[in-house]
Amino acid sequence: MKIALLGANGQLGHDLEPALRGHVVVPLTRKEADVTDFGRTRRVLTDVSPHVILNTTAYHRVDDCEDRPEHAFQVNALAVLNLICIANDLDAVLLHISTDYVFDGNTREPYTESSQPFPLSVYATSKLSGEFLVRAGAKKYFLVRTCGLYGVAGSHGKGGNFVETMIAKARRHESIRVVSDQVVTPTYTVDLAHQIARILPTTYYGLYHMTNEGCCTWYEFAQAIFDISGIDADLSPTTSELYKTPAIRPRYSVLENARLKQLGLNEMRHWRDALRAYLKEKSLGG
């Protein structure tokens, strides 16, 4: 297959290229295809004429979205609508990445693909709007929700990722406070990339949850980072009430890979094993 990879220099895009090496991948960064430039995006993708449009782009500065709702919806919804139209016109499959933040977190059971979303922030609402557009308008699509991404390439839009931020703070001997009342599943982009590569050649279209297995609080994740890497850190827990942010985060946003398991295609390992592999790749653990 020929795959147009939008956001190729991002955290997930960086790991998708090697995971998709059995296909012809055309990497497209924002420089080549800014998804908010609808006309140019159409021209570029039409020239590529891909079998798959794989969209990893998003405006995911969650707190900034509260002050820039127009931009959030421009990138996370309207640009997605443009990609849907292009994919349909090219008879291409659209694979679009979404987020655990579409849920409100008012539960203690993992969310499946059939769970009812209820967003709490501008970012979450814009991403859910993109989801609705994909499900309503795309002829052939994979819609992938994931959670807590981290990868070797870092997250350019956020200036790093959670793991890198924790390690940097510890090395500067800073006091580190991390919330212990938000439960998530940190997901290694290498694992997500290989899972996407597994599902992409199939015709099992629709909505999927794809995260590493298990769950933890952000505080427990930070503890694991320091334990595995052997780095001493002044780490202590805090609460969402004390560590206030402009955007509300769900207190519980664990996703169950229910559809992957139903199809016998789930290859996602436990989050601790994935973290250990990441830190080994970074030469910080074994």
Protein backbone atom coordinates (compact mmCIF):
# COMPACT_ATOMS: atom_id res chain seq x y z
CA MET A 1 0.00 0.00 0.00
CA LYS A 2 0.96 3.61 -0.45
CA ILE A 3 0.42 5.54 2.78
CA ALA A 4 0.42 9.32 3.15
CA LEU A 5 1.64 9.94 6.70
CA LEU A 6 0.55 13.35 8.00
CA GLY A 7 2.54 14.59 10.99
CA ALA A 8 5.51 12.41 10.03
CA ASN A 9 7.97 14.26 12.29
CA GLY A 10 5.77 14.00 15.39
CA GLN A 11 6.10 11.60 18.28
CA LEU A 12 3.86 8.91 16.78
CA GLY A 13 4.79 9.66 13.17
CA HIS A 14 8.46 9.05 13.98
CA ASP A 15 7.67 5.46 15.03
CA LEU A 16 5.08 4.77 12.35
CA GLU A 17 7.57 5.04 9.48
CA PRO A 18 9.69 2.03 10.56
CA ALA A 19 6.59 0.10 11.68
CA LEU A 20 5.13 0.50 8.17
CA ARG A 21 8.33 -0.36 6.30
CA GLY A 22 6.52 -3.10 4.37
CA HIS A 23 4.53 -0.37 2.61
CA VAL A 24 5.36 2.70 0.56
CA VAL A 25 5.21 5.53 3.11
CA VAL A 26 5.14 9.15 1.95
CA PRO A 27 6.08 11.21 5.04
CA LEU A 28 4.44 14.64 5.16
CA THR A 29 5.35 17.20 7.81
CA ARG A 30 3.56 20.47 8.42
CA LYS A 31 5.99 22.09 5.99
CA GLU A 32 4.79 19.85 3.16
CA ALA A 33 1.13 19.67 4.16
CA ASP A 34 -0.32 22.02 6.76
CA VAL A 35 -3.74 20.46 7.34
CA THR A 36 -5.27 23.88 8.05
CA ASP A 37 -4.45 24.88 4.46
CA PHE A 38 -7.29 22.90 2.95
CA GLY A 39 -6.53 23.61 -0.70
CA ARG A 40 -2.84 22.79 -0.49
CA THR A 41 -3.53 19.65 1.52
CA ARG A 42 -5.89 18.46 -1.21
CA ARG A 43 -3.35 19.17 -3.93
CA VAL A 44 -0.53 17.38 -2.09
CA LEU A 45 -2.60 14.31 -1.29
CA THR A 46 -4.08 14.15 -4.77
CA ASP A 47 -0.55 14.17 -6.21
CA VAL A 48 0.49 11.38 -3.83
CA SER A 49 -2.68 9.38 -4.60
CA PRO A 50 -2.37 7.15 -1.52
CA HIS A 51 -4.35 4.06 -0.58
CA VAL A 52 -4.32 5.29 3.05
CA ILE A 53 -4.28 8.76 4.59
CA LEU A 54 -2.87 8.36 8.10
CA ASN A 55 -3.53 11.48 10.15
CA THR A 56 -1.49 11.94 13.32
CA THR A 57 -1.83 15.74 13.34
CA ALA A 58 -3.67 17.52 16.15
CA TYR A 59 -3.65 20.67 18.21
CA HIS A 60 -3.05 18.97 21.56
CA ARG A 61 -1.85 21.75 23.83
CA VAL A 62 -4.78 20.99 26.11
CA ASP A 63 -4.68 24.10 28.29
CA ASP A 64 -3.98 26.46 25.38
CA CYS A 65 -7.10 25.14 23.64
CA GLU A 66 -9.18 26.83 26.34
CA ASP A 67 -7.92 30.22 25.09
CA ARG A 68 -7.78 29.25 21.40
CA PRO A 69 -10.98 27.32 20.71
CA GLU A 70 -11.15 28.47 17.08
CA HIS A 71 -7.73 27.06 16.36
CA ALA A 72 -8.53 23.84 18.23
CA PHE A 73 -11.60 23.24 16.09
CA GLN A 74 -9.78 24.32 12.93
CA VAL A 75 -7.15 21.61 13.39
CA ASN A 76 -9.06 18.91 15.26
CA ALA A 77 -12.39 19.08 13.42
CA LEU A 78 -12.52 21.19 10.24
CA ALA A 79 -9.17 19.94 8.94
CA VAL A 80 -10.39 16.40 9.62
CA LEU A 81 -13.53 17.10 7.56
CA ASN A 82 -11.30 18.18 4.69
CA LEU A 83 -9.30 14.94 4.97
CA ILE A 84 -12.53 12.94 4.96
CA CYS A 85 -13.61 14.58 1.71
CA ILE A 86 -10.19 14.01 0.13
CA ALA A 87 -10.07 10.36 1.26
CA ASN A 88 -13.55 9.72 -0.14
CA ASP A 89 -12.68 11.36 -3.45
CA LEU A 90 -9.49 9.27 -3.74
CA ASP A 91 -11.24 6.10 -2.53
CA ALA A 92 -8.61 5.98 0.22
CA VAL A 93 -8.84 4.71 3.78
CA LEU A 94 -8.60 7.39 6.46
CA LEU A 95 -6.91 6.49 9.74
CA HIS A 96 -7.38 9.22 12.34
CA ILE A 97 -6.00 9.43 15.89
CA SER A 98 -8.19 10.55 18.79
CA THR A 99 -7.93 10.65 22.57
CA ASP A 100 -9.09 9.26 25.92
CA TYR A 101 -10.06 12.82 26.84
CA VAL A 102 -13.39 12.41 25.05
CA PHE A 103 -14.62 10.75 28.28
CA ASP A 104 -15.51 12.54 31.51
CA GLY A 105 -13.83 10.05 33.85
CA ASN A 106 -16.87 9.58 36.10
CA THR A 107 -16.42 5.82 36.34
CA ARG A 108 -13.92 3.28 37.60
CA GLU A 109 -14.35 0.76 34.80
CA PRO A 110 -12.28 0.91 31.60
CA TYR A 111 -14.04 2.57 28.69
CA THR A 112 -14.77 0.40 25.65
CA GLU A 113 -15.59 1.51 22.13
CA SER A 114 -19.30 1.35 23.00
CA SER A 115 -18.98 3.68 26.03
CA GLN A 116 -20.70 7.05 25.81
CA PRO A 117 -18.25 9.98 25.46
CA PHE A 118 -18.73 13.23 27.37
CA PRO A 119 -15.92 15.77 26.92
CA LEU A 120 -14.91 18.21 29.67
CA SER A 121 -12.63 20.65 27.82
CA VAL A 122 -12.31 22.56 24.55
CA TYR A 123 -9.59 20.16 23.43
CA ALA A 124 -11.73 17.11 24.20
CA THR A 125 -14.78 18.63 22.50
CA SER A 126 -12.82 19.49 19.38
CA LYS A 127 -11.40 15.97 19.19
CA LEU A 128 -14.83 14.41 19.69
CA SER A 129 -16.17 16.66 16.93
CA GLY A 130 -13.49 15.26 14.63
CA GLU A 131 -14.54 11.75 15.63
CA PHE A 132 -18.19 12.41 14.81
CA LEU A 133 -17.22 13.78 11.39
CA VAL A 134 -15.13 10.68 10.62
CA ARG A 135 -17.86 8.30 11.70
CA ALA A 136 -20.54 10.20 9.81
CA GLY A 137 -18.70 11.03 6.61
CA ALA A 138 -15.77 8.72 5.87
CA LYS A 139 -16.49 5.78 3.57
CA LYS A 140 -13.55 3.69 4.86
CA TYR A 141 -11.92 4.59 8.15
CA PHE A 142 -10.04 3.49 11.24
CA LEU A 143 -10.64 5.77 14.21
CA VAL A 144 -8.09 5.16 16.96
CA ARG A 145 -8.39 6.45 20.52
CA THR A 146 -5.26 6.27 22.63
CA CYS A 147 -3.93 7.65 25.92
CA GLY A 148 -0.82 9.22 27.48
CA LEU A 149 1.52 8.95 24.50
CA TYR A 150 5.28 9.11 24.91
CA GLY A 151 8.02 8.25 22.44
CA VAL A 152 11.70 8.69 21.69
CA ALA A 153 11.03 11.60 19.32
CA GLY A 154 9.29 13.56 22.07
CA SER A 155 6.24 15.70 21.46
CA HIS A 156 7.32 18.77 19.51
CA GLY A 157 4.15 20.72 20.25
CA LYS A 158 4.48 20.16 24.00
CA GLY A 159 8.24 20.55 24.32
CA GLY A 160 8.89 16.94 25.29
CA ASN A 161 6.80 14.21 26.87
CA PHE A 162 5.94 13.24 30.44
CA VAL A 163 8.86 10.80 30.80
CA GLU A 164 11.40 13.31 29.49
CA THR A 165 9.95 16.06 31.69
CA MET A 166 10.21 13.90 34.82
CA ILE A 167 13.80 12.91 34.08
CA ALA A 168 14.83 16.49 33.31
CA LYS A 169 13.30 17.78 36.56
CA ALA A 170 15.04 15.07 38.59
CA ARG A 171 18.40 15.85 37.03
CA ARG A 172 17.93 19.51 37.93
CA HIS A 173 17.23 18.36 41.51
CA GLU A 174 13.79 19.98 41.46
CA SER A 175 10.98 19.04 43.81
CA ILE A 176 8.48 17.16 41.68
CA ARG A 177 4.76 17.09 42.43
CA VAL A 178 2.56 14.81 40.33
CA VAL A 179 -1.19 14.22 40.59
CA SER A 180 -2.20 10.94 42.18
CA ASP A 181 -5.93 11.18 41.44
CA GLN A 182 -5.91 10.91 37.63
CA VAL A 183 -5.81 7.31 36.39
CA VAL A 184 -4.55 6.65 32.86
CA THR A 185 -2.71 4.13 30.70
CA PRO A 186 0.60 5.55 29.46
CA THR A 187 1.18 4.31 25.91
CA TYR A 188 4.52 3.90 24.13
CA THR A 189 4.33 5.18 20.55
CA VAL A 190 6.38 2.21 19.26
CA ASP A 191 3.70 -0.19 20.52
CA LEU A 192 0.89 1.93 19.11
CA ALA A 193 2.67 2.19 15.74
CA HIS A 194 3.05 -1.59 15.48
CA GLN A 195 -0.59 -2.11 16.49
CA ILE A 196 -1.70 0.32 13.79
CA ALA A 197 0.49 -1.52 11.28
CA ARG A 198 -1.24 -4.76 12.29
CA ILE A 199 -4.77 -3.45 11.74
CA LEU A 200 -4.18 -1.25 8.69
CA PRO A 201 -4.07 -3.97 5.99
CA THR A 202 -7.41 -5.39 7.17
CA THR A 203 -10.91 -4.26 6.28
CA TYR A 204 -12.07 -4.29 9.90
CA TYR A 205 -12.99 -0.63 9.69
CA GLY A 206 -14.39 1.42 12.55
CA LEU A 207 -13.53 2.64 16.05
CA TYR A 208 -10.69 1.16 18.11
CA HIS A 209 -9.15 1.74 21.51
CA MET A 210 -5.37 1.20 21.42
CA THR A 211 -3.36 1.64 24.60
CA ASN A 212 -0.83 -0.37 26.53
CA GLU A 213 -2.40 -2.71 29.08
CA GLY A 214 -3.01 -1.95 32.75
CA CYS A 215 -3.40 1.45 34.38
CA CYS A 216 -1.80 3.77 36.92
CA THR A 217 -1.98 7.30 38.25
CA TRP A 218 0.41 9.87 36.84
CA TYR A 219 2.19 9.74 40.21
CA GLU A 220 2.61 5.97 39.95
CA PHE A 221 3.90 6.40 36.40
CA ALA A 222 6.49 8.91 37.63
CA GLN A 223 7.52 6.49 40.39
CA ALA A 224 8.03 3.75 37.81
CA ILE A 225 10.12 6.06 35.61
CA PHE A 226 12.54 6.74 38.47
CA ASP A 227 12.55 3.15 39.75
CA ILE A 228 13.41 1.64 36.35
CA SER A 229 15.90 4.33 35.37
CA GLY A 230 17.60 4.32 38.77
CA ILE A 231 17.35 8.09 39.06
CA ASP A 232 16.92 9.63 42.53
CA ALA A 233 14.09 12.15 42.59
CA ASP A 234 12.32 14.34 45.13
CA LEU A 235 8.87 13.07 44.13
CA SER A 236 5.63 13.48 46.05
CA PRO A 237 1.92 13.18 45.19
CA THR A 238 -0.52 16.03 44.83
CA THR A 239 -4.17 16.39 43.79
CA SER A 240 -5.98 17.90 40.85
CA GLU A 241 -7.48 20.46 43.21
CA LEU A 242 -4.06 21.69 44.30
CA TYR A 243 -2.47 21.40 40.83
CA LYS A 244 -5.06 23.41 38.96
CA THR A 245 -4.95 23.69 35.17
CA PRO A 246 -7.12 25.78 32.81
CA ALA A 247 -8.57 22.64 31.19
CA ILE A 248 -10.35 19.96 33.22
CA ARG A 249 -8.84 16.49 32.88
CA PRO A 250 -10.86 13.31 33.37
CA ARG A 251 -10.04 11.64 36.69
CA TYR A 252 -10.22 8.20 35.09
CA SER A 253 -9.62 7.66 31.39
CA VAL A 254 -8.49 4.06 31.07
CA LEU A 255 -9.38 2.56 27.69
CA GLU A 256 -10.08 -1.13 27.12
CA ASN A 257 -8.82 -2.53 23.80
CA ALA A 258 -12.09 -4.42 23.49
CA ARG A 259 -12.42 -4.55 19.72
CA LEU A 260 -8.81 -5.58 19.17
CA LYS A 261 -9.29 -8.42 21.65
CA GLN A 262 -12.56 -9.44 20.02
CA LEU A 263 -10.76 -9.74 16.68
CA GLY A 264 -7.73 -11.50 18.20
CA LEU A 265 -5.46 -8.64 17.10
CA ASN A 266 -4.42 -7.07 20.40
CA GLU A 267 -0.62 -6.88 20.65
CA MET A 268 -0.33 -4.16 23.28
CA ARG A 269 1.93 -5.10 26.21
CA HIS A 270 1.64 -3.92 29.81
CA TRP A 271 2.57 -0.29 30.34
CA ARG A 272 5.46 -1.19 32.70
CA ASP A 273 7.04 -3.43 30.06
CA ALA A 274 6.60 -0.71 27.47
CA LEU A 275 8.17 1.90 29.76
CA ARG A 276 11.11 -0.41 30.45
CA ALA A 277 11.65 -0.80 26.67
CA TYR A 278 11.47 2.97 26.17
CA LEU A 279 13.99 3.68 28.90
CA LYS A 280 16.29 1.00 27.52
CA GLU A 281 16.06 2.66 24.10
CA LYS A 282 17.05 5.91 25.81
CA SER A 283 19.86 4.03 27.66
CA LEU A 284 18.23 4.76 31.00
CA GLY A 285 17.10 1.35 32.12
CA GLY A 286 17.03 -2.36 31.49
